[in-house]
Amino acid sequence: MAIVKPFIASRKFISTIGAGTVATNDVTFANTDFTDDTGGTSTFPSSPPIVNLYVNGVLQTNDTLTGISTTAVTIVGGAVLDPATPITLEFVIN
C-alpha cells in the first residue's frame, strides 16, 4: 500500500498596524484590512491548524493573536507599534 502524504498549503495576508482598529492596547483587524496572496481581499480560512503572525518579518509567539475567525483577528499589545509596521498573517491549511 502506498503512503499518501497529507495536503498542506498556506494562505498569506499582508497589512500594516495602522489599518487596524485600536482598542486599549490591542489592534483588531477585519479580513478586508488585508491583501491576500492574489492581491485582493478574502475571508480567512476556517479552523486552520496553524496561524503564524509576523511583525516586521519576525515570527511572533502564539499568545500574540486572539479572536481569530474567518472575518477578524486581534493582535494583543499591537497598539504600541508604529502604524507603518508591516504585518503578515500566515494560515497553514490541510
N, C-alpha and C. Protein backbone atom coordinates (compact mmCIF):
# COMPACT_ATOMS: atom_id res chain seq x y z
N MET A 1 0.85 -1.17 0.00
CA MET A 1 0.00 0.00 0.00
C MET A 1 0.89 1.24 0.00
N ALA A 2 0.58 2.17 -0.85
CA ALA A 2 1.36 3.41 -0.96
C ALA A 2 1.01 4.38 0.17
N ILE A 3 1.99 5.15 0.57
CA ILE A 3 1.78 6.18 1.60
C ILE A 3 1.30 7.44 0.91
N VAL A 4 0.22 7.99 1.40
CA VAL A 4 -0.34 9.21 0.84
C VAL A 4 0.04 10.37 1.76
N LYS A 5 0.76 11.33 1.22
CA LYS A 5 1.14 12.49 2.01
C LYS A 5 -0.07 13.40 2.21
N PRO A 6 -0.18 14.02 3.39
CA PRO A 6 -1.29 14.94 3.60
C PRO A 6 -1.09 16.21 2.79
N PHE A 7 -2.18 16.81 2.40
CA PHE A 7 -2.13 18.08 1.67
C PHE A 7 -1.89 19.20 2.66
N ILE A 8 -0.86 19.99 2.44
CA ILE A 8 -0.58 21.14 3.30
C ILE A 8 -0.27 22.33 2.39
N ALA A 9 -0.89 23.45 2.67
CA ALA A 9 -0.66 24.69 1.93
C ALA A 9 -0.80 25.86 2.90
N SER A 10 -0.54 27.05 2.42
CA SER A 10 -0.71 28.21 3.29
C SER A 10 -1.36 29.35 2.51
N ARG A 11 -1.98 30.22 3.25
CA ARG A 11 -2.56 31.45 2.71
C ARG A 11 -1.97 32.60 3.50
N LYS A 12 -1.46 33.61 2.80
CA LYS A 12 -0.84 34.75 3.47
C LYS A 12 -1.66 36.01 3.26
N PHE A 13 -1.70 36.84 4.30
CA PHE A 13 -2.43 38.10 4.27
C PHE A 13 -1.50 39.19 4.79
N ILE A 14 -1.39 40.30 4.05
CA ILE A 14 -0.44 41.37 4.35
C ILE A 14 -1.20 42.66 4.67
N SER A 15 -0.70 43.41 5.68
CA SER A 15 -1.28 44.70 6.03
C SER A 15 -0.26 45.49 6.84
N THR A 16 -0.70 46.58 7.43
CA THR A 16 0.11 47.36 8.37
C THR A 16 -0.71 47.57 9.64
N ILE A 17 -0.04 47.83 10.72
CA ILE A 17 -0.73 48.04 12.00
C ILE A 17 -1.76 49.16 11.89
N GLY A 18 -1.45 50.22 11.15
CA GLY A 18 -2.34 51.37 11.02
C GLY A 18 -3.68 51.06 10.37
N ALA A 19 -3.79 49.92 9.68
CA ALA A 19 -5.06 49.55 9.03
C ALA A 19 -6.07 49.00 10.02
N GLY A 20 -5.61 48.62 11.21
CA GLY A 20 -6.50 48.04 12.21
C GLY A 20 -7.16 49.09 13.08
N THR A 21 -8.03 48.63 13.96
CA THR A 21 -8.75 49.49 14.90
C THR A 21 -8.18 49.27 16.30
N VAL A 22 -7.70 50.36 16.91
CA VAL A 22 -7.09 50.27 18.24
C VAL A 22 -8.18 50.28 19.30
N ALA A 23 -8.08 49.33 20.24
CA ALA A 23 -8.98 49.27 21.40
C ALA A 23 -8.09 49.01 22.62
N THR A 24 -7.89 50.04 23.43
CA THR A 24 -6.98 49.99 24.58
C THR A 24 -5.57 49.70 24.07
N ASN A 25 -5.00 48.53 24.34
CA ASN A 25 -3.64 48.19 23.90
C ASN A 25 -3.62 47.26 22.69
N ASP A 26 -4.77 46.75 22.30
CA ASP A 26 -4.84 45.76 21.23
C ASP A 26 -5.28 46.41 19.91
N VAL A 27 -4.99 45.72 18.81
CA VAL A 27 -5.41 46.19 17.49
C VAL A 27 -6.21 45.08 16.83
N THR A 28 -7.43 45.40 16.41
CA THR A 28 -8.31 44.42 15.76
C THR A 28 -8.39 44.73 14.27
N PHE A 29 -8.30 43.68 13.48
CA PHE A 29 -8.35 43.80 12.03
C PHE A 29 -9.52 43.01 11.47
N ALA A 30 -10.18 43.58 10.49
CA ALA A 30 -11.16 42.84 9.69
C ALA A 30 -10.38 42.17 8.56
N ASN A 31 -10.91 41.11 8.02
CA ASN A 31 -10.23 40.43 6.91
C ASN A 31 -10.04 41.39 5.73
N THR A 32 -10.91 42.38 5.59
CA THR A 32 -10.81 43.33 4.48
C THR A 32 -9.69 44.35 4.68
N ASP A 33 -9.04 44.36 5.84
CA ASP A 33 -7.89 45.24 6.09
C ASP A 33 -6.60 44.65 5.51
N PHE A 34 -6.68 43.43 4.98
CA PHE A 34 -5.51 42.72 4.47
C PHE A 34 -5.60 42.53 2.96
N THR A 35 -4.44 42.36 2.34
CA THR A 35 -4.34 41.95 0.95
C THR A 35 -3.90 40.50 0.97
N ASP A 36 -4.58 39.64 0.20
CA ASP A 36 -4.24 38.22 0.21
C ASP A 36 -3.20 37.87 -0.87
N ASP A 37 -2.93 36.59 -1.03
CA ASP A 37 -1.92 36.12 -1.99
C ASP A 37 -2.21 36.55 -3.42
N THR A 38 -3.46 36.79 -3.74
CA THR A 38 -3.83 37.14 -5.11
C THR A 38 -3.92 38.64 -5.32
N GLY A 39 -3.64 39.43 -4.28
CA GLY A 39 -3.71 40.89 -4.40
C GLY A 39 -5.07 41.46 -4.07
N GLY A 40 -6.02 40.61 -3.69
CA GLY A 40 -7.36 41.06 -3.34
C GLY A 40 -7.62 40.86 -1.86
N THR A 41 -8.88 40.83 -1.50
CA THR A 41 -9.26 40.54 -0.12
C THR A 41 -10.17 39.32 -0.13
N SER A 42 -10.10 38.55 0.93
CA SER A 42 -10.96 37.39 1.06
C SER A 42 -11.08 37.04 2.52
N THR A 43 -11.98 36.13 2.85
CA THR A 43 -12.12 35.70 4.24
C THR A 43 -10.93 34.84 4.63
N PHE A 44 -10.64 34.82 5.92
CA PHE A 44 -9.58 33.97 6.43
C PHE A 44 -10.07 32.52 6.40
N PRO A 45 -9.17 31.55 6.27
CA PRO A 45 -9.57 30.15 6.30
C PRO A 45 -10.23 29.79 7.64
N SER A 46 -11.21 28.91 7.60
CA SER A 46 -11.87 28.49 8.83
C SER A 46 -11.12 27.33 9.46
N SER A 47 -10.98 27.36 10.75
CA SER A 47 -10.34 26.31 11.55
C SER A 47 -8.96 25.88 11.04
N PRO A 48 -8.05 26.82 10.80
CA PRO A 48 -6.73 26.40 10.36
C PRO A 48 -5.96 25.78 11.52
N PRO A 49 -5.17 24.73 11.26
CA PRO A 49 -4.42 24.11 12.36
C PRO A 49 -3.29 25.01 12.87
N ILE A 50 -2.76 25.88 12.01
CA ILE A 50 -1.65 26.75 12.40
C ILE A 50 -1.89 28.15 11.86
N VAL A 51 -1.69 29.17 12.72
CA VAL A 51 -1.75 30.57 12.29
C VAL A 51 -0.46 31.23 12.79
N ASN A 52 0.31 31.78 11.86
CA ASN A 52 1.55 32.47 12.22
C ASN A 52 1.39 33.96 12.00
N LEU A 53 1.90 34.75 12.93
CA LEU A 53 1.90 36.21 12.82
C LEU A 53 3.35 36.67 12.72
N TYR A 54 3.62 37.47 11.69
CA TYR A 54 4.93 38.08 11.52
C TYR A 54 4.76 39.59 11.64
N VAL A 55 5.52 40.20 12.55
CA VAL A 55 5.52 41.65 12.70
C VAL A 55 6.88 42.13 12.23
N ASN A 56 6.86 42.94 11.17
CA ASN A 56 8.11 43.44 10.57
C ASN A 56 9.03 42.27 10.20
N GLY A 57 8.41 41.17 9.72
CA GLY A 57 9.16 40.00 9.28
C GLY A 57 9.60 39.04 10.36
N VAL A 58 9.27 39.33 11.63
CA VAL A 58 9.69 38.48 12.74
C VAL A 58 8.51 37.68 13.26
N LEU A 59 8.66 36.35 13.31
CA LEU A 59 7.61 35.47 13.81
C LEU A 59 7.33 35.77 15.27
N GLN A 60 6.04 35.89 15.63
CA GLN A 60 5.63 36.19 17.00
C GLN A 60 5.13 34.93 17.70
N THR A 61 5.04 34.99 19.02
CA THR A 61 4.55 33.86 19.80
C THR A 61 3.04 33.71 19.66
N ASN A 62 2.52 32.52 19.96
CA ASN A 62 1.10 32.23 19.79
C ASN A 62 0.18 33.11 20.63
N ASP A 63 0.65 33.61 21.76
CA ASP A 63 -0.22 34.41 22.62
C ASP A 63 -0.42 35.83 22.11
N THR A 64 0.16 36.16 20.97
CA THR A 64 0.02 37.50 20.40
C THR A 64 -1.28 37.65 19.62
N LEU A 65 -1.88 36.57 19.16
CA LEU A 65 -3.12 36.62 18.40
C LEU A 65 -4.29 36.08 19.21
N THR A 66 -5.43 36.77 19.14
CA THR A 66 -6.66 36.27 19.76
C THR A 66 -7.82 36.55 18.82
N GLY A 67 -8.96 35.98 19.14
CA GLY A 67 -10.17 36.27 18.38
C GLY A 67 -10.09 35.94 16.91
N ILE A 68 -9.37 34.88 16.57
CA ILE A 68 -9.20 34.51 15.17
C ILE A 68 -10.50 33.91 14.64
N SER A 69 -11.04 34.52 13.59
CA SER A 69 -12.24 34.00 12.93
C SER A 69 -12.04 34.15 11.43
N THR A 70 -13.05 33.83 10.65
CA THR A 70 -12.93 33.98 9.19
C THR A 70 -13.00 35.44 8.76
N THR A 71 -13.40 36.33 9.69
CA THR A 71 -13.56 37.74 9.31
C THR A 71 -12.76 38.72 10.15
N ALA A 72 -12.07 38.26 11.20
CA ALA A 72 -11.33 39.19 12.06
C ALA A 72 -10.24 38.50 12.85
N VAL A 73 -9.30 39.31 13.35
CA VAL A 73 -8.22 38.84 14.21
C VAL A 73 -7.75 40.02 15.06
N THR A 74 -7.27 39.74 16.27
CA THR A 74 -6.78 40.79 17.16
C THR A 74 -5.33 40.50 17.54
N ILE A 75 -4.50 41.55 17.45
CA ILE A 75 -3.10 41.46 17.87
C ILE A 75 -3.01 42.09 19.26
N VAL A 76 -2.68 41.26 20.24
CA VAL A 76 -2.57 41.70 21.63
C VAL A 76 -1.35 42.61 21.78
N GLY A 77 -1.56 43.80 22.32
CA GLY A 77 -0.46 44.75 22.53
C GLY A 77 0.01 45.45 21.28
N GLY A 78 -0.70 45.29 20.19
CA GLY A 78 -0.29 45.87 18.91
C GLY A 78 -0.33 47.39 18.84
N ALA A 79 -1.03 48.02 19.78
CA ALA A 79 -1.17 49.48 19.75
C ALA A 79 0.15 50.20 19.99
N VAL A 80 1.14 49.54 20.55
CA VAL A 80 2.43 50.19 20.82
C VAL A 80 3.29 50.28 19.57
N LEU A 81 2.92 49.59 18.51
CA LEU A 81 3.70 49.57 17.28
C LEU A 81 3.41 50.80 16.41
N ASP A 82 4.40 51.20 15.63
CA ASP A 82 4.22 52.29 14.68
C ASP A 82 3.17 51.88 13.65
N PRO A 83 2.29 52.80 13.25
CA PRO A 83 1.23 52.46 12.29
C PRO A 83 1.74 51.91 10.95
N ALA A 84 2.97 52.23 10.56
CA ALA A 84 3.51 51.76 9.29
C ALA A 84 4.16 50.38 9.39
N THR A 85 4.17 49.77 10.58
CA THR A 85 4.80 48.46 10.76
C THR A 85 4.06 47.40 9.94
N PRO A 86 4.78 46.68 9.05
CA PRO A 86 4.11 45.64 8.26
C PRO A 86 3.83 44.40 9.07
N ILE A 87 2.69 43.79 8.81
CA ILE A 87 2.33 42.53 9.46
C ILE A 87 1.89 41.53 8.39
N THR A 88 2.18 40.28 8.67
CA THR A 88 1.78 39.19 7.78
C THR A 88 1.12 38.11 8.61
N LEU A 89 -0.05 37.67 8.18
CA LEU A 89 -0.72 36.52 8.78
C LEU A 89 -0.57 35.36 7.82
N GLU A 90 -0.13 34.23 8.34
CA GLU A 90 0.00 33.03 7.52
C GLU A 90 -0.87 31.93 8.12
N PHE A 91 -1.84 31.47 7.35
CA PHE A 91 -2.73 30.39 7.76
C PHE A 91 -2.26 29.12 7.07
N VAL A 92 -1.82 28.12 7.84
CA VAL A 92 -1.42 26.84 7.28
C VAL A 92 -2.66 25.96 7.28
N ILE A 93 -3.01 25.45 6.12
CA ILE A 93 -4.23 24.65 5.98
C ILE A 93 -3.89 23.25 5.47
N ASN A 94 -4.79 22.34 5.74
CA ASN A 94 -4.61 20.97 5.23
C ASN A 94 -5.92 20.42 4.74
